[in-house]
PDB file of N, CA and C in Angstrom:
ATOM      1  N   MET A   1     -18.211   7.561 -19.065  1.00  0.00           N
ATOM      2  CA  MET A   1     -17.756   6.526 -18.154  1.00  0.00           C
ATOM      3  C   MET A   1     -16.342   6.076 -18.494  1.00  0.00           C
ATOM      4  N   GLU A   2     -15.976   6.188 -19.762  1.00  0.00           N
ATOM      5  CA  GLU A   2     -14.642   5.759 -20.163  1.00  0.00           C
ATOM      6  C   GLU A   2     -13.564   6.610 -19.491  1.00  0.00           C
ATOM      7  N   GLY A   3     -13.848   7.882 -19.269  1.00  0.00           N
ATOM      8  CA  GLY A   3     -12.892   8.756 -18.587  1.00  0.00           C
ATOM      9  C   GLY A   3     -12.624   8.291 -17.166  1.00  0.00           C
ATOM     10  N   LEU A   4     -13.660   7.804 -16.491  1.00  0.00           N
ATOM     11  CA  LEU A   4     -13.499   7.287 -15.130  1.00  0.00           C
ATOM     12  C   LEU A   4     -12.606   6.043 -15.124  1.00  0.00           C
ATOM     13  N   TYR A   5     -12.813   5.166 -16.097  1.00  0.00           N
ATOM     14  CA  TYR A   5     -11.988   3.959 -16.191  1.00  0.00           C
ATOM     15  C   TYR A   5     -10.526   4.306 -16.430  1.00  0.00           C
ATOM     16  N   ARG A   6     -10.287   5.276 -17.294  1.00  0.00           N
ATOM     17  CA  ARG A   6      -8.916   5.692 -17.569  1.00  0.00           C
ATOM     18  C   ARG A   6      -8.267   6.296 -16.328  1.00  0.00           C
ATOM     19  N   ALA A   7      -9.035   7.090 -15.585  1.00  0.00           N
ATOM     20  CA  ALA A   7      -8.502   7.710 -14.372  1.00  0.00           C
ATOM     21  C   ALA A   7      -8.163   6.657 -13.325  1.00  0.00           C
ATOM     22  N   LEU A   8      -9.023   5.667 -13.164  1.00  0.00           N
ATOM     23  CA  LEU A   8      -8.764   4.604 -12.195  1.00  0.00           C
ATOM     24  C   LEU A   8      -7.568   3.753 -12.625  1.00  0.00           C
ATOM     25  N   TYR A   9      -7.431   3.502 -13.923  1.00  0.00           N
ATOM     26  CA  TYR A   9      -6.283   2.746 -14.445  1.00  0.00           C
ATOM     27  C   TYR A   9      -4.991   3.506 -14.165  1.00  0.00           C
ATOM     28  N   LEU A  10      -4.990   4.787 -14.428  1.00  0.00           N
ATOM     29  CA  LEU A  10      -3.817   5.613 -14.173  1.00  0.00           C
ATOM     30  C   LEU A  10      -3.507   5.674 -12.680  1.00  0.00           C
ATOM     31  N   LEU A  11      -4.532   5.826 -11.868  1.00  0.00           N
ATOM     32  CA  LEU A  11      -4.342   5.870 -10.415  1.00  0.00           C
ATOM     33  C   LEU A  11      -3.745   4.564  -9.889  1.00  0.00           C
ATOM     34  N   ALA A  12      -4.185   3.442 -10.430  1.00  0.00           N
ATOM     35  CA  ALA A  12      -3.643   2.152 -10.000  1.00  0.00           C
ATOM     36  C   ALA A  12      -2.166   2.031 -10.365  1.00  0.00           C
ATOM     37  N   TRP A  13      -1.793   2.501 -11.559  1.00  0.00           N
ATOM     38  CA  TRP A  13      -0.395   2.404 -11.971  1.00  0.00           C
ATOM     39  C   TRP A  13       0.496   3.391 -11.232  1.00  0.00           C
ATOM     40  N   ILE A  14      -0.068   4.480 -10.755  1.00  0.00           N
ATOM     41  CA  ILE A  14       0.710   5.410  -9.929  1.00  0.00           C
ATOM     42  C   ILE A  14       0.858   4.841  -8.522  1.00  0.00           C
ATOM     43  N   GLY A  15      -0.182   4.217  -8.011  1.00  0.00           N
ATOM     44  CA  GLY A  15      -0.158   3.661  -6.660  1.00  0.00           C
ATOM     45  C   GLY A  15       0.755   2.455  -6.499  1.00  0.00           C
ATOM     46  N   LEU A  16       0.920   1.676  -7.557  1.00  0.00           N
ATOM     47  CA  LEU A  16       1.755   0.473  -7.470  1.00  0.00           C
ATOM     48  C   LEU A  16       3.204   0.800  -7.120  1.00  0.00           C
ATOM     49  N   PRO A  17       3.905   1.668  -7.861  1.00  0.00           N
ATOM     50  CA  PRO A  17       5.292   1.958  -7.470  1.00  0.00           C
ATOM     51  C   PRO A  17       5.395   2.715  -6.154  1.00  0.00           C
ATOM     52  N   LEU A  18       4.378   3.515  -5.847  1.00  0.00           N
ATOM     53  CA  LEU A  18       4.409   4.219  -4.557  1.00  0.00           C
ATOM     54  C   LEU A  18       4.304   3.232  -3.394  1.00  0.00           C
ATOM     55  N   GLY A  19       3.444   2.237  -3.528  1.00  0.00           N
ATOM     56  CA  GLY A  19       3.305   1.228  -2.479  1.00  0.00           C
ATOM     57  C   GLY A  19       4.556   0.387  -2.307  1.00  0.00           C
ATOM     58  N   VAL A  20       5.150  -0.008  -3.416  1.00  0.00           N
ATOM     59  CA  VAL A  20       6.392  -0.795  -3.351  1.00  0.00           C
ATOM     60  C   VAL A  20       7.508   0.067  -2.758  1.00  0.00           C
ATOM     61  N   GLY A  21       7.541   1.331  -3.146  1.00  0.00           N
ATOM     62  CA  GLY A  21       8.544   2.242  -2.592  1.00  0.00           C
ATOM     63  C   GLY A  21       8.409   2.419  -1.096  1.00  0.00           C
ATOM     64  N   LEU A  22       7.180   2.498  -0.606  1.00  0.00           N
ATOM     65  CA  LEU A  22       6.969   2.597   0.844  1.00  0.00           C
ATOM     66  C   LEU A  22       7.456   1.343   1.559  1.00  0.00           C
ATOM     67  N   GLN A  23       7.238   0.185   0.958  1.00  0.00           N
ATOM     68  CA  GLN A  23       7.732  -1.059   1.550  1.00  0.00           C
ATOM     69  C   GLN A  23       9.254  -1.051   1.635  1.00  0.00           C
ATOM     70  N   LEU A  24       9.891  -0.555   0.582  1.00  0.00           N
ATOM     71  CA  LEU A  24      11.356  -0.508   0.572  1.00  0.00           C
ATOM     72  C   LEU A  24      11.897   0.489   1.585  1.00  0.00           C
ATOM     73  N   LEU A  25      11.196   1.596   1.770  1.00  0.00           N
ATOM     74  CA  LEU A  25      11.634   2.581   2.765  1.00  0.00           C
ATOM     75  C   LEU A  25      11.416   2.073   4.186  1.00  0.00           C
ATOM     76  N   ALA A  26      10.313   1.392   4.397  1.00  0.00           N
ATOM     77  CA  ALA A  26       9.988   0.907   5.741  1.00  0.00           C
ATOM     78  C   ALA A  26      10.965  -0.178   6.188  1.00  0.00           C
ATOM     79  N   ARG A  27      11.314  -1.056   5.262  1.00  0.00           N
ATOM     80  CA  ARG A  27      12.225  -2.152   5.605  1.00  0.00           C
ATOM     81  C   ARG A  27      13.044  -2.526   4.373  1.00  0.00           C
ATOM     82  N   PRO A  28      14.254  -1.987   4.277  1.00  0.00           N
ATOM     83  CA  PRO A  28      15.093  -2.279   3.098  1.00  0.00           C
ATOM     84  C   PRO A  28      15.380  -3.779   2.968  1.00  0.00           C
ATOM     85  N   PRO A  29      15.523  -4.266   1.738  1.00  0.00           N
ATOM     86  CA  PRO A  29      15.769  -5.701   1.528  1.00  0.00           C
ATOM     87  C   PRO A  29      17.143  -6.121   2.037  1.00  0.00           C
ATOM     88  N   ARG A  30      17.193  -7.351   2.540  1.00  0.00           N
ATOM     89  CA  ARG A  30      18.455  -7.936   3.019  1.00  0.00           C
ATOM     90  C   ARG A  30      18.587  -9.330   2.428  1.00  0.00           C
ATOM     91  N   GLY A  31      19.798  -9.690   2.107  1.00  0.00           N
ATOM     92  CA  GLY A  31      20.080 -11.056   1.659  1.00  0.00           C
ATOM     93  C   GLY A  31      19.333 -11.448   0.408  1.00  0.00           C
ATOM     94  N   TRP A  32      18.553 -12.510   0.504  1.00  0.00           N
ATOM     95  CA  TRP A  32      17.846 -13.076  -0.638  1.00  0.00           C
ATOM     96  C   TRP A  32      16.755 -12.173  -1.169  1.00  0.00           C
ATOM     97  N   GLU A  33      16.321 -11.196  -0.389  1.00  0.00           N
ATOM     98  CA  GLU A  33      15.211 -10.336  -0.801  1.00  0.00           C
ATOM     99  C   GLU A  33      15.615  -9.356  -1.896  1.00  0.00           C
ATOM    100  N   GLY A  34      16.909  -9.048  -1.997  1.00  0.00           N
ATOM    101  CA  GLY A  34      17.366  -8.025  -2.919  1.00  0.00           C
ATOM    102  C   GLY A  34      17.143  -8.342  -4.386  1.00  0.00           C
ATOM    103  N   TRP A  35      17.147  -9.595  -4.756  1.00  0.00           N
ATOM    104  CA  TRP A  35      16.976  -9.957  -6.164  1.00  0.00           C
ATOM    105  C   TRP A  35      15.520  -9.905  -6.608  1.00  0.00           C
ATOM    106  N   ALA A  36      14.594  -9.992  -5.680  1.00  0.00           N
ATOM    107  CA  ALA A  36      13.181 -10.092  -6.047  1.00  0.00           C
ATOM    108  C   ALA A  36      12.591  -8.762  -6.515  1.00  0.00           C
ATOM    109  N   TYR A  37      13.022  -7.659  -5.940  1.00  0.00           N
ATOM    110  CA  TYR A  37      12.429  -6.372  -6.314  1.00  0.00           C
ATOM    111  C   TYR A  37      12.679  -5.992  -7.771  1.00  0.00           C
ATOM    112  N   PRO A  38      13.903  -6.144  -8.293  1.00  0.00           N
ATOM    113  CA  PRO A  38      14.067  -5.868  -9.736  1.00  0.00           C
ATOM    114  C   PRO A  38      13.248  -6.814 -10.614  1.00  0.00           C
ATOM    115  N   LEU A  39      13.119  -8.070 -10.193  1.00  0.00           N
ATOM    116  CA  LEU A  39      12.316  -9.023 -10.952  1.00  0.00           C
ATOM    117  C   LEU A  39      10.855  -8.593 -10.985  1.00  0.00           C
ATOM    118  N   PHE A  40      10.305  -8.226  -9.829  1.00  0.00           N
ATOM    119  CA  PHE A  40       8.921  -7.765  -9.793  1.00  0.00           C
ATOM    120  C   PHE A  40       8.760  -6.477 -10.599  1.00  0.00           C
ATOM    121  N   GLY A  41       9.746  -5.596 -10.543  1.00  0.00           N
ATOM    122  CA  GLY A  41       9.689  -4.363 -11.333  1.00  0.00           C
ATOM    123  C   GLY A  41       9.603  -4.647 -12.827  1.00  0.00           C
ATOM    124  N   LEU A  42      10.406  -5.598 -13.293  1.00  0.00           N
ATOM    125  CA  LEU A  42      10.364  -5.957 -14.715  1.00  0.00           C
ATOM    126  C   LEU A  42       9.021  -6.581 -15.099  1.00  0.00           C
ATOM    127  N   LEU A  43       8.483  -7.405 -14.219  1.00  0.00           N
ATOM    128  CA  LEU A  43       7.184  -8.018 -14.502  1.00  0.00           C
ATOM    129  C   LEU A  43       6.063  -6.982 -14.500  1.00  0.00           C
ATOM    130  N   PHE A  44       6.130  -6.006 -13.594  1.00  0.00           N
ATOM    131  CA  PHE A  44       5.133  -4.937 -13.583  1.00  0.00           C
ATOM    132  C   PHE A  44       5.234  -4.094 -14.858  1.00  0.00           C
ATOM    133  N   LEU A  45       6.456  -3.818 -15.317  1.00  0.00           N
ATOM    134  CA  LEU A  45       6.621  -3.063 -16.561  1.00  0.00           C
ATOM    135  C   LEU A  45       6.117  -3.861 -17.769  1.00  0.00           C
ATOM    136  N   ALA A  46       6.310  -5.161 -17.753  1.00  0.00           N
ATOM    137  CA  ALA A  46       5.793  -5.995 -18.841  1.00  0.00           C
ATOM    138  C   ALA A  46       4.265  -5.940 -18.871  1.00  0.00           C
ATOM    139  N   ALA A  47       3.647  -5.922 -17.706  1.00  0.00           N
ATOM    140  CA  ALA A  47       2.184  -5.813 -17.656  1.00  0.00           C
ATOM    141  C   ALA A  47       1.735  -4.436 -18.128  1.00  0.00           C
ATOM    142  N   LEU A  48       2.450  -3.396 -17.745  1.00  0.00           N
ATOM    143  CA  LEU A  48       2.096  -2.047 -18.169  1.00  0.00           C
ATOM    144  C   LEU A  48       2.173  -1.926 -19.689  1.00  0.00           C
ATOM    145  N   LYS A  49       3.146  -2.589 -20.278  1.00  0.00           N
ATOM    146  CA  LYS A  49       3.324  -2.535 -21.726  1.00  0.00           C
ATOM    147  C   LYS A  49       2.166  -3.204 -22.476  1.00  0.00           C
ATOM    148  N   ARG A  50       1.482  -4.125 -21.837  1.00  0.00           N
ATOM    149  CA  ARG A  50       0.371  -4.827 -22.484  1.00  0.00           C
ATOM    150  C   ARG A  50      -0.877  -3.962 -22.621  1.00  0.00           C
ATOM    151  N   GLY A  51      -0.970  -2.897 -21.856  1.00  0.00           N
ATOM    152  CA  GLY A  51      -2.123  -2.007 -21.966  1.00  0.00           C
ATOM    153  C   GLY A  51      -3.267  -2.433 -21.052  1.00  0.00           C
ATOM    154  N   PRO A  52      -4.348  -1.656 -21.074  1.00  0.00           N
ATOM    155  CA  PRO A  52      -5.454  -1.903 -20.144  1.00  0.00           C
ATOM    156  C   PRO A  52      -6.186  -3.229 -20.346  1.00  0.00           C
ATOM    157  N   LYS A  53      -6.146  -3.773 -21.541  1.00  0.00           N
ATOM    158  CA  LYS A  53      -6.873  -5.032 -21.765  1.00  0.00           C
ATOM    159  C   LYS A  53      -6.042  -6.259 -21.438  1.00  0.00           C
ATOM    160  N   GLY A  54      -4.737  -6.208 -21.668  1.00  0.00           N
ATOM    161  CA  GLY A  54      -3.887  -7.372 -21.438  1.00  0.00           C
ATOM    162  C   GLY A  54      -3.209  -7.392 -20.082  1.00  0.00           C
ATOM    163  N   ALA A  55      -3.086  -6.225 -19.455  1.00  0.00           N
ATOM    164  CA  ALA A  55      -2.371  -6.143 -18.178  1.00  0.00           C
ATOM    165  C   ALA A  55      -2.999  -6.976 -17.061  1.00  0.00           C
ATOM    166  N   PRO A  56      -4.319  -6.973 -16.901  1.00  0.00           N
ATOM    167  CA  PRO A  56      -4.891  -7.742 -15.785  1.00  0.00           C
ATOM    168  C   PRO A  56      -4.567  -9.227 -15.818  1.00  0.00           C
ATOM    169  N   ARG A  57      -4.421  -9.793 -17.002  1.00  0.00           N
ATOM    170  CA  ARG A  57      -4.122 -11.226 -17.092  1.00  0.00           C
ATOM    171  C   ARG A  57      -2.754 -11.559 -16.515  1.00  0.00           C
ATOM    172  N   LEU A  58      -1.805 -10.669 -16.680  1.00  0.00           N
ATOM    173  CA  LEU A  58      -0.468 -10.888 -16.121  1.00  0.00           C
ATOM    174  C   LEU A  58      -0.409 -10.408 -14.672  1.00  0.00           C
ATOM    175  N   LEU A  59      -1.070  -9.291 -14.386  1.00  0.00           N
ATOM    176  CA  LEU A  59      -0.976  -8.708 -13.046  1.00  0.00           C
ATOM    177  C   LEU A  59      -1.580  -9.578 -11.958  1.00  0.00           C
ATOM    178  N   VAL A  60      -2.598 -10.330 -12.281  1.00  0.00           N
ATOM    179  CA  VAL A  60      -3.210 -11.206 -11.277  1.00  0.00           C
ATOM    180  C   VAL A  60      -2.152 -12.133 -10.687  1.00  0.00           C
ATOM    181  N   HIS A  61      -1.347 -12.714 -11.532  1.00  0.00           N
ATOM    182  CA  HIS A  61      -0.339 -13.664 -11.075  1.00  0.00           C
ATOM    183  C   HIS A  61       0.861 -12.963 -10.438  1.00  0.00           C
ATOM    184  N   VAL A  62       1.292 -11.872 -11.041  1.00  0.00           N
ATOM    185  CA  VAL A  62       2.458 -11.156 -10.519  1.00  0.00           C
ATOM    186  C   VAL A  62       2.149 -10.542  -9.160  1.00  0.00           C
ATOM    187  N   LEU A  63       0.985  -9.924  -9.017  1.00  0.00           N
ATOM    188  CA  LEU A  63       0.637  -9.325  -7.729  1.00  0.00           C
ATOM    189  C   LEU A  63       0.429 -10.387  -6.659  1.00  0.00           C
ATOM    190  N   GLY A  64      -0.121 -11.540  -7.031  1.00  0.00           N
ATOM    191  CA  GLY A  64      -0.255 -12.631  -6.073  1.00  0.00           C
ATOM    192  C   GLY A  64       1.101 -13.091  -5.552  1.00  0.00           C
ATOM    193  N   CYS A  65       2.058 -13.244  -6.456  1.00  0.00           N
ATOM    194  CA  CYS A  65       3.418 -13.623  -6.041  1.00  0.00           C
ATOM    195  C   CYS A  65       4.062 -12.531  -5.196  1.00  0.00           C
ATOM    196  N   TYR A  66       3.826 -11.278  -5.572  1.00  0.00           N
ATOM    197  CA  TYR A  66       4.402 -10.168  -4.805  1.00  0.00           C
ATOM    198  C   TYR A  66       3.825 -10.135  -3.388  1.00  0.00           C
ATOM    199  N   PHE A  67       2.540 -10.337  -3.248  1.00  0.00           N
ATOM    200  CA  PHE A  67       1.934 -10.342  -1.912  1.00  0.00           C
ATOM    201  C   PHE A  67       2.456 -11.497  -1.064  1.00  0.00           C
ATOM    202  N   LEU A  68       2.625 -12.665  -1.649  1.00  0.00           N
ATOM    203  CA  LEU A  68       3.204 -13.793  -0.912  1.00  0.00           C
ATOM    204  C   LEU A  68       4.648 -13.493  -0.503  1.00  0.00           C
ATOM    205  N   PHE A  69       5.391 -12.844  -1.379  1.00  0.00           N
ATOM    206  CA  PHE A  69       6.762 -12.440  -1.069  1.00  0.00           C
ATOM    207  C   PHE A  69       6.785 -11.472   0.106  1.00  0.00           C
ATOM    208  N   GLU A  70       5.894 -10.492   0.106  1.00  0.00           N
ATOM    209  CA  GLU A  70       5.851  -9.523   1.206  1.00  0.00           C
ATOM    210  C   GLU A  70       5.390 -10.180   2.508  1.00  0.00           C
ATOM    211  N   MET A  71       4.521 -11.173   2.412  1.00  0.00           N
ATOM    212  CA  MET A  71       4.108 -11.895   3.623  1.00  0.00           C
ATOM    213  C   MET A  71       5.287 -12.675   4.198  1.00  0.00           C
ATOM    214  N   ALA A  72       6.120 -13.248   3.334  1.00  0.00           N
ATOM    215  CA  ALA A  72       7.313 -13.959   3.807  1.00  0.00           C
ATOM    216  C   ALA A  72       8.281 -12.983   4.464  1.00  0.00           C
ATOM    217  N   ARG A  73       8.421 -11.785   3.910  1.00  0.00           N
ATOM    218  CA  ARG A  73       9.290 -10.770   4.514  1.00  0.00           C
ATOM    219  C   ARG A  73       8.746 -10.340   5.876  1.00  0.00           C
ATOM    220  N   ALA A  74       7.437 -10.197   5.981  1.00  0.00           N
ATOM    221  CA  ALA A  74       6.835  -9.783   7.245  1.00  0.00           C
ATOM    222  C   ALA A  74       7.004 -10.873   8.294  1.00  0.00           C
ATOM    223  N   ARG A  75       6.925 -12.118   7.873  1.00  0.00           N
ATOM    224  CA  ARG A  75       7.103 -13.228   8.826  1.00  0.00           C
ATOM    225  C   ARG A  75       8.529 -13.249   9.366  1.00  0.00           C
ATOM    226  N   GLU A  76       9.505 -12.945   8.517  1.00  0.00           N
ATOM    227  CA  GLU A  76      10.891 -12.882   8.981  1.00  0.00           C
ATOM    228  C   GLU A  76      11.091 -11.756  10.000  1.00  0.00           C
ATOM    229  N   ALA A  77      10.362 -10.665   9.817  1.00  0.00           N
ATOM    230  CA  ALA A  77      10.512  -9.518  10.720  1.00  0.00           C
ATOM    231  C   ALA A  77       9.960  -9.834  12.112  1.00  0.00           C
ATOM    232  N   TRP A  78       9.005 -10.764  12.172  1.00  0.00           N
ATOM    233  CA  TRP A  78       8.430 -11.128  13.473  1.00  0.00           C
ATOM    234  C   TRP A  78       9.446 -11.872  14.287  1.00  0.00           C
TER     235      TRP A  78
END
C-alpha cells in the first residue's frame, strides 16, 4: 500500500505545476497578478521541501489562497 501512496504523492506534485502552467497559458497575468505567481511557486517549493508528512500542513493554506486568487482572476475576466 505504501507504493500506492508514493505514486499518488508524486502524481499530485506533477499535476500542481501542470495545472498552474495551464492557467498561465490560458490567460497570462496582467498588472497586479504578475507578482503572485512567483510567490505561490516559492510557497509550493517550500511545501515540497517539507516532505510527505509536513507538506499537507502548509499546502492546505497555500492552495486555499491560490484558489481564491484564481477566483479573483476569473471574476476580472467576466
